[in-house]
Amino acid sequence: MNTVQMIEQADIAYFFPLLSQIINQWYFSIPVAVALLLASRLFPKIIISVVGFIAGVGLVYPLISNIEYVKNLIGTNETAQIVFMILTGVVIAAVVFALFKFLFFLVGLLAGFFIGIWLYNIISPGIYASVMNNYPQFAAPAWIPFAFAGFLAVIIGILALISQEKAVSLISVVIGALIISFYGVYWLIVLFPQTFGAIEMQNDVINVLDLSSLGLLSFVVLMIVLCYAGFKIGKIRKREYDES
């Protein structure tokens, strides 16, 4: 039981600010996610900049906003917080765009690693709980999440080297599908908490996220369906764009 609790409380808490932004700023995150999902093959440099913007808003901004100087600068002014958040996203997007050709492998590597950690922390509790029902003495090695994320990171990094356009399309579709799938499961939890799991927020930030087996299955199915749809639609739109 301790192993399951340890896994459930693992690094997924690091993503709570990003997941909270997806929920709180849905009017921005959902259109961006749809664009990433459906237009992944049309404008690769714009897409990678959008990914950089999302990383700036969802990952970098929550870290910077906790710095004492920044706290004093923006205070509790909601407008100042939004402006600073957007500026952070723009700066990160500009950096990613400027280094697009030179550090593309690194971008693919990092994207693959974060996607791997995210997927691992969402999927692993259910898997380990099932394993421990049959093997109570089982203890998960601490290196497994890093090995899983590293494996996925290397695959995406190599794909980035082989074909930048296809790699951007892969990253774009997966991130778009992740955002939409999470938002869909979030509403399933809100509407049917006893069936799909529990989510609690304090001061607009998630502090508890617990998917049931059906909630986890719904997330995975949504991911697969959206990724498939994204790749198929992306190919069709790319073909139409090339012929026009």
Protein backbone atom coordinates (compact mmCIF):
# COMPACT_ATOMS: atom_id res chain seq x y z
CA MET A 1 0.00 0.00 0.00
CA ASN A 2 2.88 2.39 0.79
CA THR A 3 4.30 1.82 -2.68
CA VAL A 4 1.01 2.75 -4.33
CA GLN A 5 0.69 5.89 -2.20
CA MET A 6 4.27 6.85 -2.99
CA ILE A 7 3.62 6.46 -6.72
CA GLU A 8 0.34 8.37 -6.56
CA GLN A 9 2.09 11.29 -4.83
CA ALA A 10 5.10 11.19 -7.14
CA ASP A 11 6.18 13.94 -9.49
CA ILE A 12 2.66 14.42 -10.90
CA ALA A 13 2.24 17.18 -8.29
CA TYR A 14 4.78 19.17 -10.30
CA PHE A 15 2.25 19.30 -13.14
CA PHE A 16 -0.63 20.51 -10.98
CA PRO A 17 0.03 24.19 -11.87
CA LEU A 18 -0.01 23.33 -15.59
CA LEU A 19 -3.15 21.21 -15.27
CA SER A 20 -4.74 24.00 -13.23
CA GLN A 21 -3.97 26.49 -16.01
CA ILE A 22 -5.68 24.18 -18.51
CA ILE A 23 -8.82 24.24 -16.36
CA ASN A 24 -8.77 27.91 -15.34
CA GLN A 25 -7.76 29.27 -18.75
CA TRP A 26 -9.89 26.84 -20.76
CA TYR A 27 -10.95 29.56 -23.22
CA PHE A 28 -7.28 29.77 -24.25
CA SER A 29 -5.95 26.25 -23.65
CA ILE A 30 -8.71 24.38 -25.50
CA PRO A 31 -8.51 26.38 -28.79
CA VAL A 32 -4.71 26.07 -28.69
CA ALA A 33 -4.99 22.33 -28.05
CA VAL A 34 -7.39 21.94 -30.98
CA ALA A 35 -4.97 23.88 -33.20
CA LEU A 36 -2.06 21.70 -32.08
CA LEU A 37 -4.12 18.60 -32.75
CA LEU A 38 -5.53 19.51 -36.17
CA ALA A 39 -2.92 21.81 -37.76
CA SER A 40 0.25 20.00 -36.73
CA ARG A 41 1.64 19.58 -40.26
CA LEU A 42 0.89 23.01 -41.70
CA PHE A 43 3.11 25.46 -39.82
CA PRO A 44 5.83 23.57 -37.88
CA LYS A 45 7.72 26.65 -36.64
CA ILE A 46 4.53 28.29 -35.41
CA ILE A 47 3.48 25.04 -33.76
CA ILE A 48 6.80 24.67 -31.93
CA SER A 49 6.52 28.29 -30.79
CA VAL A 50 3.03 27.60 -29.45
CA VAL A 51 4.43 24.60 -27.56
CA GLY A 52 7.08 26.93 -26.13
CA PHE A 53 4.38 29.40 -25.13
CA ILE A 54 2.41 26.66 -23.35
CA ALA A 55 5.56 25.54 -21.53
CA GLY A 56 6.23 29.15 -20.51
CA VAL A 57 2.71 29.71 -19.22
CA GLY A 58 2.17 26.32 -17.60
CA LEU A 59 5.63 25.34 -16.34
CA VAL A 60 7.96 28.34 -16.21
CA TYR A 61 5.50 30.98 -14.98
CA PRO A 62 4.40 29.03 -11.84
CA LEU A 63 8.09 28.74 -10.86
CA ILE A 64 8.92 32.39 -11.53
CA SER A 65 5.78 33.67 -9.82
CA ASN A 66 6.96 32.11 -6.55
CA ILE A 67 10.13 34.23 -6.51
CA GLU A 68 9.82 36.87 -3.80
CA TYR A 69 10.73 39.80 -6.08
CA VAL A 70 8.13 38.76 -8.67
CA LYS A 71 5.51 38.26 -5.94
CA ASN A 72 6.08 41.82 -4.73
CA LEU A 73 6.06 43.10 -8.31
CA ILE A 74 2.73 41.63 -9.43
CA GLY A 75 1.12 41.35 -5.97
CA THR A 76 -2.49 40.19 -6.00
CA ASN A 77 -3.41 42.22 -9.08
CA GLU A 78 -5.07 39.71 -11.40
CA THR A 79 -4.40 41.83 -14.50
CA ALA A 80 -0.70 42.08 -13.66
CA GLN A 81 -0.56 38.32 -13.12
CA ILE A 82 -2.14 37.61 -16.51
CA VAL A 83 0.15 40.10 -18.28
CA PHE A 84 3.24 38.64 -16.60
CA MET A 85 2.08 35.11 -17.44
CA ILE A 86 1.59 36.01 -21.12
CA LEU A 87 4.97 37.80 -21.24
CA THR A 88 6.65 34.71 -19.80
CA GLY A 89 4.98 32.55 -22.44
CA VAL A 90 6.02 34.95 -25.22
CA VAL A 91 9.65 35.02 -24.03
CA ILE A 92 9.88 31.22 -23.83
CA ALA A 93 8.17 30.94 -27.24
CA ALA A 94 10.71 33.40 -28.73
CA VAL A 95 13.62 31.44 -27.27
CA VAL A 96 12.25 28.17 -28.62
CA PHE A 97 11.69 29.73 -32.05
CA ALA A 98 15.21 31.23 -32.15
CA LEU A 99 16.82 27.90 -31.27
CA PHE A 100 14.47 25.86 -33.45
CA LYS A 101 17.07 24.50 -35.87
CA PHE A 102 20.00 24.25 -33.45
CA LEU A 103 18.40 22.55 -30.49
CA PHE A 104 15.57 20.64 -32.11
CA PHE A 105 16.82 17.34 -30.80
CA LEU A 106 16.90 18.79 -27.28
CA VAL A 107 13.33 20.07 -27.69
CA GLY A 108 12.20 16.63 -28.77
CA LEU A 109 14.13 15.07 -25.91
CA LEU A 110 12.60 17.34 -23.26
CA ALA A 111 9.10 17.12 -24.73
CA GLY A 112 9.36 13.33 -24.79
CA PHE A 113 10.63 13.26 -21.20
CA PHE A 114 7.84 15.46 -19.82
CA ILE A 115 5.20 13.58 -21.81
CA GLY A 116 6.66 10.32 -20.51
CA ILE A 117 6.61 11.50 -16.87
CA TRP A 118 3.07 12.82 -17.27
CA LEU A 119 1.78 9.60 -18.83
CA TYR A 120 3.66 7.46 -16.30
CA ASN A 121 2.26 9.28 -13.29
CA ILE A 122 -1.28 9.12 -14.67
CA ILE A 123 -1.17 5.46 -15.72
CA SER A 124 1.19 3.85 -13.21
CA PRO A 125 -0.96 3.98 -10.02
CA GLY A 126 -3.63 1.76 -11.57
CA ILE A 127 -1.07 -0.62 -13.04
CA TYR A 128 0.90 -0.95 -9.79
CA ALA A 129 -2.27 -1.37 -7.74
CA SER A 130 -3.26 -4.27 -9.99
CA VAL A 131 0.24 -5.81 -9.74
CA MET A 132 0.31 -5.47 -5.96
CA ASN A 133 -3.05 -7.22 -5.63
CA ASN A 134 -1.36 -10.30 -7.07
CA TYR A 135 2.13 -9.71 -5.65
CA PRO A 136 1.81 -7.87 -2.30
CA GLN A 137 5.59 -7.85 -1.74
CA PHE A 138 6.25 -6.05 -5.02
CA ALA A 139 8.20 -2.80 -4.66
CA ALA A 140 8.62 -0.54 -7.67
CA PRO A 141 12.23 0.56 -8.28
CA ALA A 142 12.67 4.33 -8.06
CA TRP A 143 14.31 4.48 -11.50
CA ILE A 144 11.31 3.11 -13.45
CA PRO A 145 9.57 6.48 -14.14
CA PHE A 146 12.85 8.00 -15.34
CA ALA A 147 13.59 4.95 -17.51
CA PHE A 148 10.10 5.12 -19.05
CA ALA A 149 10.33 8.88 -19.64
CA GLY A 150 13.91 8.58 -20.90
CA PHE A 151 12.96 5.85 -23.36
CA LEU A 152 10.14 7.97 -24.76
CA ALA A 153 12.40 11.05 -24.81
CA VAL A 154 15.08 9.25 -26.84
CA ILE A 155 12.50 7.99 -29.35
CA ILE A 156 11.05 11.48 -29.87
CA GLY A 157 14.56 13.00 -29.96
CA ILE A 158 15.65 10.59 -32.70
CA LEU A 159 12.46 11.28 -34.63
CA ALA A 160 13.31 14.97 -34.34
CA LEU A 161 16.70 14.38 -35.93
CA ILE A 162 15.30 12.22 -38.73
CA SER A 163 12.46 14.53 -39.67
CA GLN A 164 11.81 17.87 -38.02
CA GLU A 165 8.40 18.30 -39.64
CA LYS A 166 7.14 14.87 -38.62
CA ALA A 167 8.60 15.27 -35.14
CA VAL A 168 6.84 18.60 -34.66
CA SER A 169 3.64 16.96 -35.88
CA LEU A 170 4.06 14.12 -33.37
CA ILE A 171 4.77 16.46 -30.45
CA SER A 172 1.95 18.78 -31.50
CA VAL A 173 -0.67 16.03 -31.81
CA VAL A 174 0.32 14.34 -28.54
CA ILE A 175 0.31 17.59 -26.55
CA GLY A 176 -3.00 18.66 -28.08
CA ALA A 177 -4.50 15.25 -27.32
CA LEU A 178 -3.15 15.32 -23.75
CA ILE A 179 -4.72 18.72 -23.04
CA ILE A 180 -8.12 17.83 -24.53
CA SER A 181 -8.14 14.37 -22.90
CA PHE A 182 -7.35 15.82 -19.50
CA TYR A 183 -10.02 18.49 -19.86
CA GLY A 184 -12.55 15.85 -20.94
CA VAL A 185 -11.74 13.61 -17.99
CA TYR A 186 -11.86 16.64 -15.68
CA TRP A 187 -15.50 17.24 -16.64
CA LEU A 188 -16.31 13.55 -16.32
CA ILE A 189 -14.95 13.71 -12.76
CA VAL A 190 -16.91 16.91 -12.02
CA LEU A 191 -20.16 15.40 -13.35
CA PHE A 192 -19.68 11.82 -12.12
CA PRO A 193 -17.16 11.89 -9.23
CA GLN A 194 -18.14 8.49 -7.86
CA THR A 195 -17.47 6.86 -11.22
CA PHE A 196 -14.43 8.62 -12.67
CA GLY A 197 -12.43 9.75 -9.62
CA ALA A 198 -11.79 12.84 -7.55
CA ILE A 199 -10.24 16.24 -8.14
CA GLU A 200 -9.91 19.02 -5.58
CA MET A 201 -8.71 22.59 -6.08
CA GLN A 202 -7.56 25.15 -3.54
CA ASN A 203 -7.06 28.77 -4.61
CA ASP A 204 -7.60 27.67 -8.24
CA VAL A 205 -4.73 25.15 -8.02
CA ILE A 206 -5.21 21.38 -8.04
CA ASN A 207 -4.09 19.73 -4.81
CA VAL A 208 -5.77 16.33 -5.24
CA LEU A 209 -6.10 14.33 -8.48
CA ASP A 210 -7.18 10.70 -8.21
CA LEU A 211 -8.47 8.86 -11.27
CA SER A 212 -10.54 5.71 -10.86
CA SER A 213 -9.91 2.72 -13.13
CA LEU A 214 -12.73 3.91 -15.41
CA GLY A 215 -11.36 7.46 -15.32
CA LEU A 216 -7.91 6.20 -16.31
CA LEU A 217 -9.39 4.05 -19.08
CA SER A 218 -11.40 7.02 -20.38
CA PHE A 219 -8.25 9.16 -20.45
CA VAL A 220 -6.27 6.52 -22.37
CA VAL A 221 -9.11 5.90 -24.86
CA LEU A 222 -9.53 9.63 -25.45
CA MET A 223 -5.78 9.96 -25.99
CA ILE A 224 -5.69 7.15 -28.55
CA VAL A 225 -8.77 8.36 -30.45
CA LEU A 226 -7.60 12.00 -30.53
CA CYS A 227 -4.05 11.09 -31.59
CA TYR A 228 -5.39 8.91 -34.40
CA ALA A 229 -7.79 11.65 -35.52
CA GLY A 230 -5.05 14.28 -35.28
CA PHE A 231 -2.62 12.32 -37.46
CA LYS A 232 -5.28 11.46 -40.06
CA ILE A 233 -6.66 15.00 -40.29
CA GLY A 234 -3.13 16.44 -40.30
CA LYS A 235 -2.17 14.31 -43.32
CA ILE A 236 -5.32 15.30 -45.21
CA ARG A 237 -4.86 19.02 -44.46
CA LYS A 238 -1.17 18.83 -45.41
CA ARG A 239 -2.05 17.19 -48.74
CA GLU A 240 -4.69 19.85 -49.45
CA TYR A 241 -2.25 22.61 -48.46
CA ASP A 242 0.46 21.27 -50.80
CA GLU A 243 -1.95 20.95 -53.72
CA SER A 244 -3.38 24.48 -53.35
